[in-house]
């Protein structure tokens, strides 16, 4: 759930600190990186930082609308793609006189295309994320609200979306299964053309992130939040950021070691990331990001652990491990 009162950072301080780090580290880390690569990475990073700044203003306006008392369960404020990051998503905003627990059902083309979930906890101020809308058409969304004494109310909204950009509209998926009863209901997340998207079990596009990211992402099952990377794919500046399916960025982490091939979440909630040092070999480093502090808490140099005289992979001594 998007919590209107939860602010994970001091936005101005975050921007100031990250920009200072990027300026300092950039002097030393780009000696072997082409100007074109550097410009691309810097632009990706600046876009994420700019989104965070704009997001603060969006959140402030949403809080004002929620607390205005103008919007109710029966007549909510419905905003398509509020963060300009997820065109097949929307946000339903309202305030209730008593605490409610809300459930959502996005009606699919058939029952296998339905998407249903409950927003946990009773509350009076509601930001209800709606994801799984069909592109370029109206999608019916059913909302149910339960009071503390068990009374249930329901209403329906039809939400119209725009057509997708040509590069995404051309994407298609054909579903072939010999045992459809064993096909798990839900969305299938994939990386496509520098962005992320999701298909349902019928092969229809139901979610799309319009933020350009790197090829590496961590889809956190059951959380409706994902972690993406922008910036350097080897050594050099990179940002990892956690965002919801609405595109709201909840946390961001800096690394001078790039992000290449993999991000995993440990049992302690920290992130394990593969990257590189600025040296004569690449893709042979694993580092851990403490998600509570944002600091890199541990670095493993596999060149000191594994025999470097093994057979190189694939054709170069520099990329001897290709982790």
Protein backbone atom coordinates (compact mmCIF):
# COMPACT_ATOMS: atom_id res chain seq x y z
CA UNK A 1 0.00 0.00 0.00
CA UNK A 2 1.12 3.53 -0.72
CA UNK A 3 1.12 5.21 2.69
CA UNK A 4 0.40 8.96 2.37
CA UNK A 5 2.09 9.74 5.67
CA UNK A 6 5.22 7.67 5.18
CA UNK A 7 8.25 9.63 4.06
CA UNK A 8 11.36 7.50 3.89
CA UNK A 9 13.91 10.24 3.37
CA UNK A 10 14.73 13.84 3.90
CA UNK A 11 14.42 14.57 0.16
CA UNK A 12 16.63 17.70 0.00
CA UNK A 13 19.40 16.05 2.03
CA UNK A 14 19.19 12.90 -0.09
CA UNK A 15 19.59 14.89 -3.29
CA UNK A 16 22.47 16.95 -1.90
CA UNK A 17 24.35 13.91 -0.60
CA UNK A 18 23.95 11.80 -3.74
CA UNK A 19 24.95 14.59 -6.10
CA UNK A 20 28.04 15.30 -4.00
CA UNK A 21 29.03 11.63 -4.03
CA UNK A 22 28.53 11.35 -7.78
CA UNK A 23 30.64 14.43 -8.41
CA UNK A 24 33.53 13.19 -6.27
CA UNK A 25 33.48 9.55 -7.33
CA UNK A 26 33.07 10.46 -10.98
CA UNK A 27 36.48 12.15 -11.02
CA UNK A 28 38.23 8.87 -10.21
CA UNK A 29 36.04 6.11 -11.61
CA UNK A 30 35.64 6.95 -15.26
CA UNK A 31 39.22 6.69 -16.48
CA UNK A 32 38.39 3.66 -18.66
CA UNK A 33 34.81 4.55 -19.55
CA UNK A 34 33.92 6.24 -22.81
CA UNK A 35 32.30 9.67 -22.74
CA UNK A 36 29.21 8.22 -24.40
CA UNK A 37 28.78 5.55 -21.72
CA UNK A 38 29.40 8.07 -18.97
CA UNK A 39 26.81 10.48 -20.37
CA UNK A 40 24.22 7.71 -20.68
CA UNK A 41 24.77 6.55 -17.10
CA UNK A 42 24.79 10.04 -15.68
CA UNK A 43 21.53 10.83 -17.48
CA UNK A 44 19.84 7.70 -16.08
CA UNK A 45 20.96 8.61 -12.56
CA UNK A 46 19.85 12.22 -12.90
CA UNK A 47 16.42 11.08 -14.10
CA UNK A 48 15.90 8.95 -10.99
CA UNK A 49 17.04 11.77 -8.69
CA UNK A 50 14.75 14.19 -10.51
CA UNK A 51 11.84 11.78 -10.13
CA UNK A 52 12.45 11.67 -6.38
CA UNK A 53 12.32 15.45 -6.21
CA UNK A 54 9.08 15.62 -8.25
CA UNK A 55 7.62 12.77 -6.21
CA UNK A 56 7.85 14.85 -3.05
CA UNK A 57 5.56 17.46 -4.61
CA UNK A 58 3.14 14.80 -5.88
CA UNK A 59 2.93 13.19 -2.42
CA UNK A 60 2.28 16.56 -0.81
CA UNK A 61 -0.59 17.31 -3.20
CA UNK A 62 -2.05 13.83 -2.70
CA UNK A 63 -2.01 14.28 1.07
CA UNK A 64 -3.83 17.59 0.67
CA UNK A 65 -6.46 15.99 -1.57
CA UNK A 66 -6.91 13.07 0.83
CA UNK A 67 -7.40 15.32 3.84
CA UNK A 68 -9.67 17.78 2.02
CA UNK A 69 -12.74 15.66 2.70
CA UNK A 70 -13.92 16.07 -0.90
CA UNK A 71 -13.49 12.41 -1.80
CA UNK A 72 -15.33 9.44 -0.32
CA UNK A 73 -15.49 5.70 -0.92
CA UNK A 74 -18.53 6.21 -3.14
CA UNK A 75 -16.97 9.17 -4.99
CA UNK A 76 -13.17 8.84 -4.86
CA UNK A 77 -10.45 10.70 -6.69
CA UNK A 78 -9.03 8.42 -9.40
CA UNK A 79 -5.62 9.36 -10.84
CA UNK A 80 -4.16 7.46 -13.76
CA UNK A 81 -0.39 6.94 -13.47
CA UNK A 82 0.13 9.51 -10.68
CA UNK A 83 3.95 9.28 -10.77
CA UNK A 84 4.26 9.23 -14.57
CA UNK A 85 6.01 5.89 -14.33
CA UNK A 86 3.37 3.15 -14.67
CA UNK A 87 0.82 3.87 -17.43
CA UNK A 88 -1.33 0.80 -16.73
CA UNK A 89 -1.76 1.70 -13.06
CA UNK A 90 -3.87 4.20 -11.13
CA UNK A 91 -4.38 5.49 -7.61
CA UNK A 92 -7.75 5.73 -5.84
CA UNK A 93 -7.77 8.38 -3.11
CA UNK A 94 -10.44 9.11 -0.50
CA UNK A 95 -11.12 9.64 3.18
CA UNK A 96 -13.65 7.67 5.24
CA UNK A 97 -15.51 8.66 8.40
CA UNK A 98 -14.59 5.35 10.02
CA UNK A 99 -11.65 2.97 9.49
CA UNK A 100 -12.03 0.67 6.50
CA UNK A 101 -10.13 -2.29 5.09
CA UNK A 102 -10.30 -2.23 1.30
CA UNK A 103 -10.07 -4.96 -1.33
CA UNK A 104 -9.60 -4.57 -5.07
CA UNK A 105 -10.57 -6.73 -8.04
CA UNK A 106 -9.47 -5.74 -11.53
CA UNK A 107 -11.85 -7.51 -13.90
CA UNK A 108 -10.02 -9.37 -16.65
CA UNK A 109 -11.13 -10.49 -20.09
CA UNK A 110 -11.97 -13.79 -18.44
CA UNK A 111 -11.71 -15.09 -14.88
CA UNK A 112 -8.09 -16.14 -15.36
CA UNK A 113 -7.29 -12.49 -16.10
CA UNK A 114 -8.82 -11.17 -12.86
CA UNK A 115 -6.40 -9.59 -10.40
CA UNK A 116 -7.49 -9.37 -6.77
CA UNK A 117 -5.76 -8.18 -3.60
CA UNK A 118 -6.52 -6.67 -0.20
CA UNK A 119 -4.94 -3.55 1.28
CA UNK A 120 -4.10 -4.68 4.84
CA UNK A 121 -5.07 -2.79 7.99
CA UNK A 122 -8.02 -0.57 8.75
CA UNK A 123 -7.52 3.15 8.13
CA UNK A 124 -9.45 6.35 7.42
CA UNK A 125 -7.13 7.87 4.79
CA UNK A 126 -6.79 5.71 1.70
CA UNK A 127 -4.31 5.56 -1.17
CA UNK A 128 -5.36 2.41 -3.03
CA UNK A 129 -3.01 1.32 -5.84
CA UNK A 130 -4.70 -0.09 -8.92
CA UNK A 131 -2.47 -2.12 -11.20
CA UNK A 132 -3.29 -4.49 -14.04
CA UNK A 133 -5.33 -2.18 -16.29
CA UNK A 134 -5.59 -3.07 -19.97
CA UNK A 135 -3.94 -0.64 -22.42
CA UNK A 136 -6.01 1.64 -24.66
CA UNK A 137 -9.39 0.68 -23.20
CA UNK A 138 -11.63 0.92 -20.16
CA UNK A 139 -11.06 -1.61 -17.40
CA UNK A 140 -13.65 -2.32 -14.73
CA UNK A 141 -12.30 -2.13 -11.18
CA UNK A 142 -14.40 -3.34 -8.25
CA UNK A 143 -13.69 -1.99 -4.75
CA UNK A 144 -14.96 -3.45 -1.50
CA UNK A 145 -14.63 -1.83 1.92
CA UNK A 146 -15.16 -3.57 5.25
CA UNK A 147 -15.84 -1.74 8.51
CA UNK A 148 -14.58 -2.82 11.93
CA UNK A 149 -18.01 -4.29 12.73
CA UNK A 150 -18.02 -6.38 9.53
CA UNK A 151 -20.25 -4.28 7.30
CA UNK A 152 -19.23 -4.53 3.63
CA UNK A 153 -19.71 -1.85 0.96
CA UNK A 154 -18.87 -2.17 -2.72
CA UNK A 155 -18.60 0.06 -5.77
CA UNK A 156 -17.17 -0.11 -9.29
CA UNK A 157 -15.05 2.25 -11.36
CA UNK A 158 -14.20 2.14 -15.05
CA UNK A 159 -10.69 3.44 -15.70
CA UNK A 160 -9.57 4.36 -19.23
CA UNK A 161 -5.92 4.08 -20.22
CA UNK A 162 -4.01 5.45 -23.20
CA UNK A 163 -2.37 3.38 -25.91
CA UNK A 164 1.16 2.19 -25.25
CA UNK A 165 4.24 3.57 -27.01
CA UNK A 166 4.93 1.71 -30.25
CA UNK A 167 8.00 -0.08 -28.88
CA UNK A 168 5.90 -1.64 -26.10
CA UNK A 169 2.65 -2.08 -28.04
CA UNK A 170 4.54 -4.32 -30.46
CA UNK A 171 5.39 -6.76 -27.68
CA UNK A 172 3.33 -9.92 -27.65
CA UNK A 173 3.33 -13.22 -25.83
CA UNK A 174 1.75 -16.48 -26.90
CA UNK A 175 0.74 -18.79 -24.06
CA UNK A 176 1.12 -22.49 -24.76
CA UNK A 177 0.36 -24.99 -22.02
CA UNK A 178 -0.69 -28.61 -22.08
CA UNK A 179 -1.98 -28.46 -18.51
CA UNK A 180 -3.86 -25.16 -18.10
CA UNK A 181 -5.26 -26.23 -14.73
CA UNK A 182 -1.70 -26.14 -13.38
CA UNK A 183 -0.99 -22.68 -14.75
CA UNK A 184 -0.48 -20.34 -11.83
CA UNK A 185 -2.74 -17.31 -11.79
CA UNK A 186 -0.99 -13.96 -11.72
CA UNK A 187 1.37 -11.72 -13.68
CA UNK A 188 4.63 -12.67 -15.37
CA UNK A 189 7.29 -9.98 -15.06
CA UNK A 190 9.92 -9.60 -17.78
CA UNK A 191 12.53 -7.08 -18.93
CA UNK A 192 11.80 -5.59 -22.33
CA UNK A 193 13.51 -2.80 -24.29
CA UNK A 194 15.18 -1.06 -21.31
CA UNK A 195 12.02 -1.23 -19.21
CA UNK A 196 9.98 -3.78 -17.31
CA UNK A 197 6.54 -5.15 -18.14
CA UNK A 198 4.15 -7.89 -17.07
CA UNK A 199 1.81 -10.20 -18.95
CA UNK A 200 -1.13 -12.12 -17.53
CA UNK A 201 -1.86 -15.80 -18.12
CA UNK A 202 -3.63 -14.91 -21.39
CA UNK A 203 -0.57 -13.11 -22.77
CA UNK A 204 -2.07 -9.62 -22.39
CA UNK A 205 0.12 -6.72 -21.24
CA UNK A 206 -1.15 -5.66 -17.79
CA UNK A 207 1.70 -3.63 -16.31
CA UNK A 208 4.50 -1.50 -17.67
CA UNK A 209 7.17 0.63 -16.05
CA UNK A 210 8.10 3.61 -18.22
CA UNK A 211 11.26 4.46 -16.25
CA UNK A 212 14.29 3.41 -18.29
CA UNK A 213 16.41 1.05 -16.20
CA UNK A 214 19.27 -1.36 -16.59
CA UNK A 215 18.81 -4.98 -17.53
CA UNK A 216 19.07 -6.17 -13.94
CA UNK A 217 16.06 -6.15 -11.64
CA UNK A 218 14.91 -7.95 -8.51
CA UNK A 219 11.20 -8.74 -8.48
CA UNK A 220 10.23 -9.14 -4.82
CA UNK A 221 7.53 -11.78 -4.70
CA UNK A 222 4.49 -10.91 -2.63
CA UNK A 223 5.56 -7.33 -1.86
CA UNK A 224 4.34 -5.45 -4.95
CA UNK A 225 7.71 -3.68 -4.86
CA UNK A 226 10.73 -4.25 -7.07
CA UNK A 227 14.38 -3.17 -7.14
CA UNK A 228 15.93 -1.74 -10.31
CA UNK A 229 19.33 -0.37 -11.24
CA UNK A 230 20.52 2.54 -13.34
CA UNK A 231 24.01 3.77 -14.14
CA UNK A 232 27.18 1.80 -14.70
CA UNK A 233 26.95 -1.89 -15.47
CA UNK A 234 30.58 -2.52 -14.46
CA UNK A 235 32.76 -0.21 -12.36
CA UNK A 236 31.47 3.30 -11.81
CA UNK A 237 28.44 5.06 -10.37
CA UNK A 238 25.17 3.18 -10.10
CA UNK A 239 21.92 3.63 -8.23
CA UNK A 240 19.64 0.86 -7.05
CA UNK A 241 16.11 1.94 -6.20
CA UNK A 242 13.08 0.18 -4.79
CA UNK A 243 9.76 1.18 -6.28
CA UNK A 244 6.16 0.05 -6.14
CA UNK A 245 4.10 -1.09 -9.10
CA UNK A 246 2.75 2.47 -9.19
CA UNK A 247 6.28 3.71 -9.83
CA UNK A 248 6.62 5.43 -6.46
CA UNK A 249 10.26 5.23 -5.35
CA UNK A 250 10.56 4.15 -1.71
CA UNK A 251 14.32 3.86 -1.23
CA UNK A 252 17.53 4.41 -3.17
CA UNK A 253 21.10 3.14 -2.72
CA UNK A 254 24.38 4.31 -4.26
CA UNK A 255 27.27 2.11 -5.41
CA UNK A 256 30.64 2.99 -6.99
CA UNK A 257 31.03 -0.62 -8.22
CA UNK A 258 28.31 -0.75 -10.87
CA UNK A 259 25.59 -3.40 -11.15
CA UNK A 260 26.06 -6.33 -13.50
CA UNK A 261 24.13 -9.59 -13.93
CA UNK A 262 22.49 -9.99 -10.52
CA UNK A 263 20.77 -8.48 -7.47
CA UNK A 264 19.58 -10.74 -4.67
CA UNK A 265 17.99 -10.05 -1.30
CA UNK A 266 19.47 -11.79 1.73
CA UNK A 267 17.53 -13.14 4.69
CA UNK A 268 18.56 -10.03 6.63
CA UNK A 269 16.97 -7.80 3.98
CA UNK A 270 20.30 -6.56 2.64
CA UNK A 271 21.11 -6.60 -1.07
CA UNK A 272 23.83 -8.75 -2.63
CA UNK A 273 25.01 -7.26 -5.92
CA UNK A 274 27.57 -8.28 -8.52
CA UNK A 275 29.88 -5.59 -9.91
CA UNK A 276 33.47 -4.66 -10.69
CA UNK A 277 36.46 -2.69 -9.39
CA UNK A 278 38.29 -0.16 -11.57
CA UNK A 279 41.19 -2.46 -12.49
CA UNK A 280 42.42 -4.81 -15.19
CA UNK A 281 39.68 -7.42 -14.56
CA UNK A 282 35.90 -7.01 -14.47
CA UNK A 283 32.75 -8.76 -13.20
CA UNK A 284 34.49 -10.51 -10.30
CA UNK A 285 33.17 -8.64 -7.24
CA UNK A 286 30.19 -9.20 -4.94
CA UNK A 287 29.15 -6.49 -2.51
CA UNK A 288 26.47 -6.17 0.16
CA UNK A 289 24.32 -3.07 0.66
CA UNK A 290 22.90 -2.53 4.14
CA UNK A 291 19.34 -1.45 3.34
CA UNK A 292 18.90 0.11 6.79
CA UNK A 293 21.81 2.55 6.36
CA UNK A 294 22.35 2.59 2.59
CA UNK A 295 26.05 1.85 3.13
CA UNK A 296 28.09 -0.91 1.49
CA UNK A 297 28.78 -3.19 4.44
CA UNK A 298 30.88 -5.91 2.83
CA UNK A 299 32.83 -6.50 -0.38
CA UNK A 300 34.03 -9.88 -1.64
CA UNK A 301 36.87 -9.82 -4.18
CA UNK A 302 36.61 -13.17 -5.95
CA UNK A 303 40.00 -12.64 -7.56
CA UNK A 304 41.46 -13.25 -4.09
CA UNK A 305 39.39 -16.39 -3.54
CA UNK A 306 39.10 -18.26 -6.85
CA UNK A 307 42.06 -19.38 -8.99
CA UNK A 308 42.56 -16.76 -11.68
CA UNK A 309 44.60 -19.21 -13.78
CA UNK A 310 41.46 -21.22 -14.57
CA UNK A 311 40.17 -21.27 -18.15
CA UNK A 312 39.04 -17.78 -19.07
CA UNK A 313 35.41 -17.11 -19.88
CA UNK A 314 34.53 -16.46 -22.60
CA UNK A 315 37.53 -15.22 -24.62
CA UNK A 316 39.36 -12.62 -22.59
CA UNK A 317 41.58 -12.68 -19.54
CA UNK A 318 40.01 -9.44 -18.37
CA UNK A 319 36.58 -11.05 -18.11
CA UNK A 320 37.98 -14.22 -16.56
CA UNK A 321 34.99 -15.01 -14.32
CA UNK A 322 32.07 -13.22 -16.02
CA UNK A 323 30.07 -13.14 -12.79
